Amino acid sequence: MVWPIEEMPVSDKSIFAELSERLAGLAPAAENVREDLRSRMEQALRSGLADLDMVSREDFDAQLEALERAQSRIDELEQTVAALESRFEVLESSGSGSP
């Protein structure tokens, strides 16, 4: 027979007290399980990210810096080539009148 808690016999109320006491005793074990679960989830995420062929932030920043240096050097070389082409055209046009 099911009774509302207020109408339960005293002996049944002690079952709830005992049950709640046992559940409270499980709290430290639950904390261990929670920490273990967190650790396993972190490990699974790291493994999953490694499978995605991702790079660390440090590696990304290093590559970005190298790319910026390379782009800067390319810009300098393009200016140098343009200046040399201009000089070559001037020399070629001034020398075209001579045999």
Protein backbone atom coordinates (compact mmCIF):
# COMPACT_ATOMS: atom_id res chain seq x y z
CA MET A 1 0.00 0.00 0.00
CA VAL A 2 1.29 3.53 -0.88
CA TRP A 3 0.89 6.32 1.66
CA PRO A 4 1.81 9.97 1.56
CA ILE A 5 5.01 10.48 3.60
CA GLU A 6 3.11 12.34 6.34
CA GLU A 7 0.80 9.35 6.84
CA MET A 8 3.49 6.66 6.72
CA PRO A 9 4.01 4.49 9.75
CA VAL A 10 6.99 5.50 11.86
CA SER A 11 8.94 2.37 10.88
CA ASP A 12 8.68 3.33 7.16
CA LYS A 13 9.95 6.85 7.91
CA SER A 14 13.08 5.36 9.40
CA ILE A 15 13.67 3.62 6.05
CA PHE A 16 13.83 7.04 4.42
CA ALA A 17 16.22 8.28 7.09
CA GLU A 18 18.44 5.23 6.57
CA LEU A 19 18.25 5.57 2.78
CA SER A 20 19.13 9.27 2.87
CA GLU A 21 22.02 8.51 5.22
CA ARG A 22 23.35 5.89 2.81
CA LEU A 23 22.96 8.22 -0.14
CA ALA A 24 24.83 10.95 1.74
CA GLY A 25 27.61 8.43 2.34
CA LEU A 26 27.84 7.91 -1.42
CA ALA A 27 28.59 11.60 -2.06
CA PRO A 28 32.38 11.17 -1.77
CA ALA A 29 32.20 8.18 -4.12
CA ALA A 30 30.10 10.26 -6.52
CA GLU A 31 32.80 12.96 -6.43
CA ASN A 32 35.40 10.35 -7.42
CA VAL A 33 33.17 9.14 -10.24
CA ARG A 34 32.63 12.71 -11.40
CA GLU A 35 36.39 13.38 -11.45
CA ASP A 36 37.03 10.11 -13.28
CA LEU A 37 34.32 10.96 -15.82
CA ARG A 38 35.76 14.46 -16.32
CA SER A 39 39.22 12.99 -16.84
CA ARG A 40 37.96 10.42 -19.34
CA MET A 41 35.98 13.05 -21.25
CA GLU A 42 39.04 15.30 -21.44
CA GLN A 43 41.13 12.39 -22.71
CA ALA A 44 38.46 11.54 -25.33
CA LEU A 45 38.32 15.18 -26.48
CA ARG A 46 42.10 15.40 -26.78
CA SER A 47 42.14 12.16 -28.76
CA GLY A 48 39.33 13.39 -31.02
CA LEU A 49 41.06 16.70 -31.65
CA ALA A 50 44.31 14.91 -32.44
CA ASP A 51 42.44 12.90 -35.07
CA LEU A 52 41.27 16.17 -36.66
CA ASP A 53 44.91 17.02 -37.46
CA MET A 54 44.76 20.30 -35.57
CA VAL A 55 47.79 22.28 -34.42
CA SER A 56 48.47 23.92 -31.09
CA ARG A 57 48.00 27.66 -30.67
CA GLU A 58 51.78 28.06 -30.29
CA ASP A 59 52.43 26.26 -33.59
CA PHE A 60 49.72 28.31 -35.30
CA ASP A 61 51.19 31.59 -34.02
CA ALA A 62 54.70 30.55 -35.10
CA GLN A 63 53.46 29.70 -38.60
CA LEU A 64 51.52 32.96 -38.80
CA GLU A 65 54.66 34.92 -37.86
CA ALA A 66 56.73 33.06 -40.47
CA LEU A 67 54.06 33.74 -43.10
CA GLU A 68 54.00 37.45 -42.24
CA ARG A 69 57.83 37.61 -42.55
CA ALA A 70 57.68 35.79 -45.88
CA GLN A 71 54.97 38.14 -47.18
CA SER A 72 57.04 41.15 -46.12
CA ARG A 73 60.10 39.76 -47.91
CA ILE A 74 58.04 39.05 -51.05
CA ASP A 75 56.82 42.67 -51.04
CA GLU A 76 60.42 43.91 -50.76
CA LEU A 77 61.56 41.65 -53.60
CA GLU A 78 58.67 42.76 -55.83
CA GLN A 79 59.72 46.39 -55.31
CA THR A 80 63.34 45.50 -56.09
CA VAL A 81 62.33 43.65 -59.27
CA ALA A 82 60.14 46.57 -60.36
CA ALA A 83 63.03 49.01 -59.82
CA LEU A 84 65.44 46.77 -61.75
CA GLU A 85 62.94 46.41 -64.61
CA SER A 86 62.63 50.21 -64.77
CA ARG A 87 66.40 50.64 -64.86
CA PHE A 88 66.70 47.94 -67.51
CA GLU A 89 64.06 49.65 -69.68
CA VAL A 90 65.90 52.97 -69.35
CA LEU A 91 69.22 51.37 -70.27
CA GLU A 92 67.63 49.45 -73.13
CA SER A 93 65.94 52.56 -74.56
CA SER A 94 69.07 54.71 -74.27
CA GLY A 95 71.20 52.02 -75.88
CA SER A 96 68.80 51.25 -78.73
CA GLY A 97 70.19 54.13 -80.84
CA SER A 98 73.71 52.71 -80.84
CA PRO A 99 74.85 49.71 -82.94
